[in-house]
């Protein structure tokens, strides 16, 4: 990009929390606004989100050149998809008021399908280049066993076809979007990034014992396939499994999913080697990851794209199912291992074999940290995002050429200086 851009990021989700979607959008805004090496000014980035807390300020500074603006669209509280759709027109009206005057952005980049629905309509109306990131499409959510709004497939298809460009987080998502009817040339894969300052090999770590520690981090314990990990642990004697996710630690005893998993651990005689930590604040995750010998990301469908990257940045190899972001991020037998989903015996034996090969494990650790730092740094992902924007931005007007007489005069003016 040769000139600073006014970039609008749009989301209907809560961007004040620690959900992966929220973290990604905030970090993307800061990274896009950061001046590239050798450039003078950075881009101006404004994140527009629906207000979900009545106490939230109207404008929040995210960093130099980046701000979060809360728009009033419906009640200031978390809403279901159905409720959000009832107020999507209000969100569109709020965006139109912001973009119709001097605040008109050069490019609009929506995140999520509800935010995309409002942003796409206004961007098309005002003739602003429009880019869409879905962060998971309906078909993948449905395969993961999650409830999906009945109109989401149809609306995602319309948003994808109405966008100038769709940014997919990984190859599998790009293929899924193609199957909805979006032309492949209109899709670009720009992966997720990892915060290399927070997640690094050097730093404080949680206490741990003498056992080899396996770590799982999953927001939803059922979708993360902790059950398969427990069954695999039977085949890895001497190792322990630390699970972060689900409710906060104080509420673990009352959670039905945790209760079922604890009963299964007792039946498998591994309960003394399993630790349920509950949901951890993000700043505590590096301390946990640094205690791990391996991190497991074995969900059969739609695993978290952030967990393997955060583990690799901490120098921890990842045992992963080759689906979703795992397939792109974890290089088999280089930064970790690919294992089949739902096969605890195969997974357990692969883990046991790898733990016994210290030299191989050390090599994976070095390669994992190097890949996270070089391929998935925010500087690189922001640069790829800007290059993607360049595909849909209007071509800059060429500079006026000098007339022949003007060129001759220019040459005459500078010749004496050159001779001297």
Protein backbone atom coordinates (compact mmCIF):
# COMPACT_ATOMS: atom_id res chain seq x y z
CA UNK A 1 0.00 0.00 0.00
CA UNK A 2 1.49 3.35 -1.08
CA UNK A 3 -0.90 5.58 0.85
CA UNK A 4 -2.52 5.37 4.29
CA UNK A 5 -5.95 3.79 4.15
CA UNK A 6 -9.09 4.37 6.20
CA UNK A 7 -10.09 0.79 7.07
CA UNK A 8 -13.40 -0.21 8.67
CA UNK A 9 -13.68 -3.55 10.47
CA UNK A 10 -17.23 -4.61 11.37
CA UNK A 11 -18.50 -7.24 13.80
CA UNK A 12 -21.80 -7.87 15.56
CA UNK A 13 -20.03 -9.96 18.23
CA UNK A 14 -18.85 -8.84 21.65
CA UNK A 15 -15.35 -7.48 21.05
CA UNK A 16 -14.62 -6.73 24.69
CA UNK A 17 -14.18 -10.37 25.77
CA UNK A 18 -11.57 -13.12 25.35
CA UNK A 19 -13.33 -15.15 22.68
CA UNK A 20 -11.01 -16.05 19.77
CA UNK A 21 -13.10 -13.96 17.36
CA UNK A 22 -12.82 -10.87 19.58
CA UNK A 23 -9.09 -11.28 20.13
CA UNK A 24 -8.46 -11.73 16.42
CA UNK A 25 -10.36 -8.60 15.36
CA UNK A 26 -8.75 -6.39 18.00
CA UNK A 27 -5.24 -7.64 17.23
CA UNK A 28 -5.86 -7.31 13.49
CA UNK A 29 -6.89 -3.66 13.97
CA UNK A 30 -3.73 -2.88 15.93
CA UNK A 31 -1.52 -4.66 13.41
CA UNK A 32 -3.06 -2.97 10.36
CA UNK A 33 -2.62 0.43 11.99
CA UNK A 34 1.04 -0.23 12.82
CA UNK A 35 3.38 1.47 10.32
CA UNK A 36 5.35 -1.03 8.26
CA UNK A 37 9.13 -0.82 8.40
CA UNK A 38 10.34 1.96 6.15
CA UNK A 39 6.90 3.58 5.86
CA UNK A 40 5.92 6.83 7.50
CA UNK A 41 2.31 6.69 8.61
CA UNK A 42 0.22 3.65 9.42
CA UNK A 43 -3.35 3.09 8.34
CA UNK A 44 -6.36 4.44 10.22
CA UNK A 45 -8.44 1.49 11.47
CA UNK A 46 -11.86 1.75 13.09
CA UNK A 47 -13.62 -1.33 14.47
CA UNK A 48 -17.41 -1.02 14.53
CA UNK A 49 -19.26 -3.37 16.89
CA UNK A 50 -22.77 -3.56 18.29
CA UNK A 51 -22.95 -2.24 21.85
CA UNK A 52 -23.54 -5.13 24.27
CA UNK A 53 -22.88 -3.34 27.55
CA UNK A 54 -24.72 -0.13 28.47
CA UNK A 55 -21.66 1.02 30.41
CA UNK A 56 -19.31 0.63 27.42
CA UNK A 57 -17.82 3.87 26.13
CA UNK A 58 -18.78 5.01 22.65
CA UNK A 59 -15.17 5.03 21.45
CA UNK A 60 -12.28 3.00 22.88
CA UNK A 61 -8.66 3.41 21.81
CA UNK A 62 -7.11 0.05 20.87
CA UNK A 63 -3.69 1.42 19.98
CA UNK A 64 -2.00 4.06 17.82
CA UNK A 65 -4.28 4.59 14.81
CA UNK A 66 -6.85 1.99 15.92
CA UNK A 67 -10.15 2.49 17.78
CA UNK A 68 -13.25 0.50 18.69
CA UNK A 69 -16.61 2.23 18.19
CA UNK A 70 -19.73 0.82 19.86
CA UNK A 71 -22.91 1.31 17.82
CA UNK A 72 -26.43 1.24 19.24
CA UNK A 73 -28.40 -1.47 17.46
CA UNK A 74 -30.97 -3.10 19.68
CA UNK A 75 -30.72 -3.63 23.44
CA UNK A 76 -27.25 -3.27 24.97
CA UNK A 77 -26.86 -6.91 25.99
CA UNK A 78 -25.74 -10.17 24.36
CA UNK A 79 -28.33 -11.36 21.83
CA UNK A 80 -29.05 -14.64 20.11
CA UNK A 81 -28.68 -14.88 16.35
CA UNK A 82 -32.44 -14.51 15.97
CA UNK A 83 -32.45 -11.35 18.07
CA UNK A 84 -29.45 -9.92 16.22
CA UNK A 85 -31.20 -10.41 12.89
CA UNK A 86 -34.16 -8.41 14.21
CA UNK A 87 -31.80 -5.45 14.73
CA UNK A 88 -29.50 -5.87 11.74
CA UNK A 89 -31.25 -2.97 9.99
CA UNK A 90 -30.44 -0.74 12.98
CA UNK A 91 -26.79 -1.78 12.71
CA UNK A 92 -26.79 -1.02 8.98
CA UNK A 93 -28.36 2.41 9.61
CA UNK A 94 -25.69 3.22 12.20
CA UNK A 95 -22.94 2.22 9.76
CA UNK A 96 -24.49 4.28 6.96
CA UNK A 97 -24.52 7.40 9.15
CA UNK A 98 -20.84 6.89 9.97
CA UNK A 99 -19.74 6.24 6.39
CA UNK A 100 -21.85 8.73 4.42
CA UNK A 101 -19.70 11.78 5.18
CA UNK A 102 -16.07 12.43 5.97
CA UNK A 103 -15.81 9.07 7.77
CA UNK A 104 -16.18 7.10 4.52
CA UNK A 105 -13.68 4.21 4.61
CA UNK A 106 -11.53 3.06 1.70
CA UNK A 107 -12.39 -0.58 2.42
CA UNK A 108 -14.88 -2.40 4.66
CA UNK A 109 -13.90 -5.75 6.19
CA UNK A 110 -16.70 -7.60 8.03
CA UNK A 111 -16.14 -10.41 10.51
CA UNK A 112 -18.90 -12.95 11.11
CA UNK A 113 -22.07 -13.45 9.13
CA UNK A 114 -24.42 -11.12 11.05
CA UNK A 115 -21.98 -8.22 10.91
CA UNK A 116 -21.34 -9.10 7.27
CA UNK A 117 -25.04 -8.88 6.49
CA UNK A 118 -25.24 -5.26 7.68
CA UNK A 119 -21.86 -4.18 6.32
CA UNK A 120 -22.36 -5.75 2.90
CA UNK A 121 -25.63 -3.91 2.33
CA UNK A 122 -24.18 -0.50 3.24
CA UNK A 123 -20.89 -1.03 1.38
CA UNK A 124 -22.76 -2.00 -1.80
CA UNK A 125 -25.06 1.01 -1.46
CA UNK A 126 -22.15 3.44 -0.99
CA UNK A 127 -19.90 1.69 -3.54
CA UNK A 128 -17.15 0.87 -1.02
CA UNK A 129 -14.94 -2.21 -1.61
CA UNK A 130 -16.23 -4.98 0.68
CA UNK A 131 -14.26 -7.90 2.18
CA UNK A 132 -15.80 -10.71 4.28
CA UNK A 133 -14.31 -13.09 6.87
CA UNK A 134 -16.74 -15.71 8.19
CA UNK A 135 -14.68 -17.26 11.03
CA UNK A 136 -16.50 -20.54 10.51
CA UNK A 137 -19.39 -21.22 8.16
CA UNK A 138 -22.72 -22.85 8.88
CA UNK A 139 -21.83 -26.20 7.30
CA UNK A 140 -18.77 -26.62 9.53
CA UNK A 141 -20.67 -25.52 12.64
CA UNK A 142 -23.37 -28.07 11.89
CA UNK A 143 -20.79 -30.86 11.46
CA UNK A 144 -19.38 -29.92 14.86
CA UNK A 145 -22.79 -30.60 16.39
CA UNK A 146 -23.66 -26.96 17.10
CA UNK A 147 -27.07 -25.44 16.52
CA UNK A 148 -27.14 -23.23 13.43
CA UNK A 149 -29.68 -20.56 12.53
CA UNK A 150 -32.01 -21.96 9.83
CA UNK A 151 -31.36 -19.02 7.48
CA UNK A 152 -27.61 -18.83 8.03
CA UNK A 153 -26.62 -20.97 5.02
CA UNK A 154 -28.67 -18.85 2.64
CA UNK A 155 -27.47 -15.55 4.10
CA UNK A 156 -23.80 -16.59 4.11
CA UNK A 157 -24.16 -17.57 0.47
CA UNK A 158 -25.60 -14.14 -0.36
CA UNK A 159 -22.89 -12.31 1.62
CA UNK A 160 -20.12 -14.35 -0.01
CA UNK A 161 -21.45 -13.67 -3.51
CA UNK A 162 -21.95 -9.98 -2.72
CA UNK A 163 -18.42 -9.53 -1.40
CA UNK A 164 -15.57 -8.31 -3.59
CA UNK A 165 -13.33 -10.72 -1.69
CA UNK A 166 -13.73 -13.44 0.96
CA UNK A 167 -10.84 -14.08 3.32
CA UNK A 168 -10.75 -17.67 4.62
CA UNK A 169 -8.78 -18.62 7.70
CA UNK A 170 -7.55 -21.92 6.24
CA UNK A 171 -7.78 -24.12 3.18
CA UNK A 172 -10.71 -26.20 4.42
CA UNK A 173 -12.81 -23.09 5.03
CA UNK A 174 -11.95 -21.81 1.56
CA UNK A 175 -13.15 -25.09 0.02
CA UNK A 176 -16.38 -24.92 2.04
CA UNK A 177 -17.05 -21.36 0.86
CA UNK A 178 -16.48 -22.45 -2.75
CA UNK A 179 -19.17 -25.08 -2.32
CA UNK A 180 -21.66 -22.34 -1.39
CA UNK A 181 -21.23 -20.89 -4.87
CA UNK A 182 -18.61 -18.20 -4.27
CA UNK A 183 -16.09 -18.21 -7.18
CA UNK A 184 -12.67 -19.46 -6.10
CA UNK A 185 -10.85 -16.41 -7.56
CA UNK A 186 -12.86 -14.31 -5.10
CA UNK A 187 -11.42 -16.21 -2.12
CA UNK A 188 -8.01 -15.69 -0.53
CA UNK A 189 -6.62 -17.70 2.39
CA UNK A 190 -5.15 -15.45 5.08
CA UNK A 191 -4.46 -17.52 8.20
CA UNK A 192 -4.84 -16.56 11.82
CA UNK A 193 -1.89 -15.05 13.66
CA UNK A 194 -0.33 -15.53 17.08
CA UNK A 195 0.82 -12.90 19.55
CA UNK A 196 4.53 -13.66 19.71
CA UNK A 197 5.08 -11.32 22.66
CA UNK A 198 2.56 -13.09 24.89
CA UNK A 199 3.17 -16.64 23.63
CA UNK A 200 6.90 -17.37 23.64
CA UNK A 201 9.31 -20.04 24.80
CA UNK A 202 10.77 -17.89 27.55
CA UNK A 203 8.67 -16.82 30.52
CA UNK A 204 7.05 -17.98 33.75
CA UNK A 205 5.44 -21.43 33.94
CA UNK A 206 2.93 -23.13 36.20
CA UNK A 207 4.12 -25.70 38.74
CA UNK A 208 4.25 -29.28 37.49
CA UNK A 209 5.38 -32.70 38.66
CA UNK A 210 7.74 -35.27 37.19
CA UNK A 211 5.26 -36.76 34.70
CA UNK A 212 5.28 -35.86 31.01
CA UNK A 213 2.44 -33.39 30.68
CA UNK A 214 -0.03 -33.39 27.80
CA UNK A 215 -2.16 -30.25 27.53
CA UNK A 216 -5.54 -29.62 25.93
CA UNK A 217 -7.06 -26.14 25.59
CA UNK A 218 -10.65 -26.05 24.35
CA UNK A 219 -13.45 -23.62 25.07
CA UNK A 220 -16.04 -26.39 24.70
CA UNK A 221 -14.90 -29.61 26.39
CA UNK A 222 -17.43 -31.74 24.51
CA UNK A 223 -16.51 -30.39 21.07
CA UNK A 224 -12.78 -30.61 21.86
CA UNK A 225 -13.04 -34.42 22.15
CA UNK A 226 -11.53 -34.69 25.63
CA UNK A 227 -13.12 -38.14 25.83
CA UNK A 228 -10.79 -39.46 23.12
CA UNK A 229 -7.82 -37.88 24.92
CA UNK A 230 -8.76 -39.70 28.14
CA UNK A 231 -8.97 -43.01 26.32
CA UNK A 232 -5.63 -42.33 24.62
CA UNK A 233 -4.05 -41.59 28.01
CA UNK A 234 -4.53 -45.26 28.91
CA UNK A 235 -1.84 -46.08 26.35
CA UNK A 236 0.61 -43.45 27.62
CA UNK A 237 1.59 -44.68 31.11
CA UNK A 238 3.46 -42.15 33.18
CA UNK A 239 1.98 -39.13 31.39
CA UNK A 240 -0.63 -36.74 32.74
CA UNK A 241 -3.31 -34.74 30.97
CA UNK A 242 -4.08 -31.12 31.91
CA UNK A 243 -7.33 -29.81 30.42
CA UNK A 244 -8.09 -26.08 30.28
CA UNK A 245 -11.57 -25.04 29.23
CA UNK A 246 -15.22 -25.29 30.10
CA UNK A 247 -16.54 -23.33 33.11
CA UNK A 248 -14.32 -21.46 35.57
CA UNK A 249 -12.60 -23.65 38.13
CA UNK A 250 -15.06 -22.83 40.92
CA UNK A 251 -17.94 -24.23 38.84
CA UNK A 252 -16.30 -27.44 37.60
CA UNK A 253 -18.03 -29.70 40.13
CA UNK A 254 -21.47 -28.58 38.96
CA UNK A 255 -20.79 -28.91 35.23
CA UNK A 256 -22.43 -32.01 33.68
CA UNK A 257 -19.79 -32.38 30.94
CA UNK A 258 -16.92 -32.25 33.45
CA UNK A 259 -18.78 -34.68 35.72
CA UNK A 260 -19.18 -37.17 32.86
CA UNK A 261 -15.51 -36.86 31.89
CA UNK A 262 -14.40 -37.39 35.49
CA UNK A 263 -16.49 -40.55 35.71
CA UNK A 264 -14.94 -41.80 32.47
CA UNK A 265 -11.44 -41.09 33.82
CA UNK A 266 -12.23 -43.21 36.91
CA UNK A 267 -13.57 -46.04 34.75
CA UNK A 268 -10.36 -45.96 32.69
CA UNK A 269 -8.19 -45.82 35.86
CA UNK A 270 -6.48 -42.59 34.79
CA UNK A 271 -8.25 -40.18 37.15
CA UNK A 272 -5.06 -39.68 39.17
CA UNK A 273 -3.34 -38.47 35.99
CA UNK A 274 -5.99 -35.98 34.82
CA UNK A 275 -6.24 -32.34 35.90
CA UNK A 276 -9.25 -30.19 35.01
CA UNK A 277 -8.20 -26.54 35.29
CA UNK A 278 -11.40 -24.87 34.10
CA UNK A 279 -11.42 -21.81 31.87
CA UNK A 280 -8.19 -19.85 32.24
CA UNK A 281 -7.65 -16.17 31.47
CA UNK A 282 -5.67 -15.73 28.27
CA UNK A 283 -2.67 -14.28 30.07
CA UNK A 284 -2.33 -17.57 32.01
CA UNK A 285 -2.30 -19.83 28.94
CA UNK A 286 1.42 -19.34 28.12
CA UNK A 287 2.29 -20.38 31.69
CA UNK A 288 0.37 -23.62 31.17
CA UNK A 289 1.68 -24.30 27.66
CA UNK A 290 5.30 -23.95 28.80
CA UNK A 291 4.77 -26.92 31.13
CA UNK A 292 3.65 -29.20 28.28
CA UNK A 293 5.66 -31.78 26.42
CA UNK A 294 2.90 -32.02 23.82
CA UNK A 295 -0.33 -30.17 23.13
CA UNK A 296 -3.32 -32.12 21.82
CA UNK A 297 -5.70 -30.60 19.26
CA UNK A 298 -7.75 -33.65 18.27
CA UNK A 299 -11.27 -32.35 17.69
CA UNK A 300 -12.81 -34.19 14.71
CA UNK A 301 -14.41 -31.04 13.29
CA UNK A 302 -13.53 -27.34 13.44
CA UNK A 303 -10.75 -27.30 16.06
CA UNK A 304 -9.63 -23.94 17.43
CA UNK A 305 -7.15 -22.39 14.97
CA UNK A 306 -5.50 -20.43 17.79
CA UNK A 307 -4.45 -23.28 20.10
CA UNK A 308 -1.87 -24.97 17.80
CA UNK A 309 -0.30 -21.60 16.97
CA UNK A 310 -0.06 -20.57 20.63
CA UNK A 311 1.46 -23.93 21.55
CA UNK A 312 3.98 -23.80 18.71
CA UNK A 313 4.96 -20.24 19.65
CA UNK A 314 5.80 -21.59 23.13
CA UNK A 315 7.98 -24.26 21.52
CA UNK A 316 5.56 -27.14 22.12
CA UNK A 317 4.90 -29.70 19.34
CA UNK A 318 1.24 -30.39 18.57
CA UNK A 319 -0.53 -33.72 18.06
CA UNK A 320 -3.43 -32.76 15.80
CA UNK A 321 -6.20 -34.10 13.63
CA UNK A 322 -5.59 -32.88 10.05
CA UNK A 323 -8.83 -30.88 9.82
CA UNK A 324 -9.60 -27.17 9.78
CA UNK A 325 -6.70 -24.93 10.67
CA UNK A 326 -4.75 -27.92 12.06
CA UNK A 327 -4.09 -29.21 8.56
CA UNK A 328 -2.37 -25.97 7.50
CA UNK A 329 -0.68 -25.00 10.76
CA UNK A 330 0.80 -28.29 12.04
CA UNK A 331 3.31 -29.86 9.64
CA UNK A 332 3.23 -33.63 10.07
CA UNK A 333 6.52 -34.99 11.48
CA UNK A 334 8.04 -31.51 11.42
CA UNK A 335 6.22 -29.40 14.02
CA UNK A 336 4.09 -32.23 15.40
CA UNK A 337 2.05 -35.23 14.34
CA UNK A 338 -1.17 -35.74 12.40
CA UNK A 339 -3.41 -38.41 13.93
CA UNK A 340 -6.83 -39.76 12.91
CA UNK A 341 -9.85 -38.37 14.75
CA UNK A 342 -11.61 -40.59 17.27
CA UNK A 343 -8.90 -43.29 17.32
CA UNK A 344 -7.65 -43.29 20.95
CA UNK A 345 -5.45 -46.37 20.60
CA UNK A 346 -3.65 -44.98 17.54
CA UNK A 347 -3.33 -41.54 19.15
CA UNK A 348 -2.07 -42.96 22.44
CA UNK A 349 0.58 -45.10 20.80
CA UNK A 350 1.75 -42.20 18.62
CA UNK A 351 2.11 -40.00 21.71
CA UNK A 352 3.99 -42.69 23.65
CA UNK A 353 6.38 -43.29 20.77
CA UNK A 354 7.08 -39.58 20.33
CA UNK A 355 7.67 -39.01 24.05
CA UNK A 356 10.29 -41.77 23.99
CA UNK A 357 12.24 -40.11 21.17
CA UNK A 358 13.83 -37.15 22.90
CA UNK A 359 15.89 -36.00 19.91
CA UNK A 360 12.87 -36.03 17.60
CA UNK A 361 10.73 -34.20 20.13
CA UNK A 362 13.41 -31.53 20.55
CA UNK A 363 13.62 -31.06 16.79
CA UNK A 364 9.84 -30.68 16.55
CA UNK A 365 9.98 -28.07 19.31
CA UNK A 366 12.55 -25.95 17.48
CA UNK A 367 10.66 -26.21 14.18
CA UNK A 368 7.33 -25.38 15.86
CA UNK A 369 8.63 -22.17 17.44
CA UNK A 370 10.33 -21.13 14.21
CA UNK A 371 7.18 -21.73 12.12
CA UNK A 372 4.94 -19.82 14.52
CA UNK A 373 7.35 -16.89 14.59
CA UNK A 374 8.04 -16.72 10.85
CA UNK A 375 4.73 -17.77 9.23
CA UNK A 376 2.11 -16.63 11.73
CA UNK A 377 3.47 -13.38 13.17
CA UNK A 378 1.04 -10.47 13.22
CA UNK A 379 3.36 -8.39 11.05
CA UNK A 380 3.18 -10.97 8.28
CA UNK A 381 -0.57 -11.64 8.57
CA UNK A 382 -1.33 -7.90 8.55
CA UNK A 383 0.82 -7.49 5.42
CA UNK A 384 -1.04 -10.36 3.70
CA UNK A 385 -4.37 -8.80 4.67
CA UNK A 386 -3.33 -5.46 3.17
CA UNK A 387 -2.22 -7.18 -0.03
CA UNK A 388 -5.63 -8.83 -0.19
CA UNK A 389 -7.30 -5.42 0.21
CA UNK A 390 -5.19 -4.22 -2.71
CA UNK A 391 -7.01 -6.66 -4.99
CA UNK A 392 -10.32 -4.84 -4.53
CA UNK A 393 -9.20 -1.25 -4.13
CA UNK A 394 -9.47 0.98 -7.21
CA UNK A 395 -6.22 1.42 -9.10
CA UNK A 396 -4.44 4.69 -8.21
CA UNK A 397 -4.64 7.40 -10.83
CA UNK A 398 -1.40 7.68 -12.84
CA UNK A 399 0.70 10.77 -12.32
CA UNK A 400 0.41 13.29 -15.20
CA UNK A 401 3.21 12.95 -17.71
CA UNK A 402 5.40 15.95 -18.57
CA UNK A 403 4.95 17.50 -21.99
CA UNK A 404 7.96 17.41 -24.33
CA UNK A 405 8.67 21.14 -23.83
CA UNK A 406 8.43 20.76 -20.06
CA UNK A 407 10.82 17.79 -20.16
CA UNK A 408 13.34 19.82 -22.21
CA UNK A 409 13.12 22.72 -19.78
CA UNK A 410 13.55 20.30 -16.89
CA UNK A 411 16.67 18.84 -18.50
CA UNK A 412 18.06 22.35 -19.19
CA UNK A 413 17.47 23.37 -15.57
CA UNK A 414 19.32 20.45 -14.10
CA UNK A 415 22.15 20.10 -16.65
CA UNK A 416 24.46 22.81 -15.18
CA UNK A 417 24.17 21.23 -11.74
CA UNK A 418 25.02 17.80 -13.14
CA UNK A 419 28.01 19.22 -15.09
CA UNK A 420 29.26 21.09 -12.05
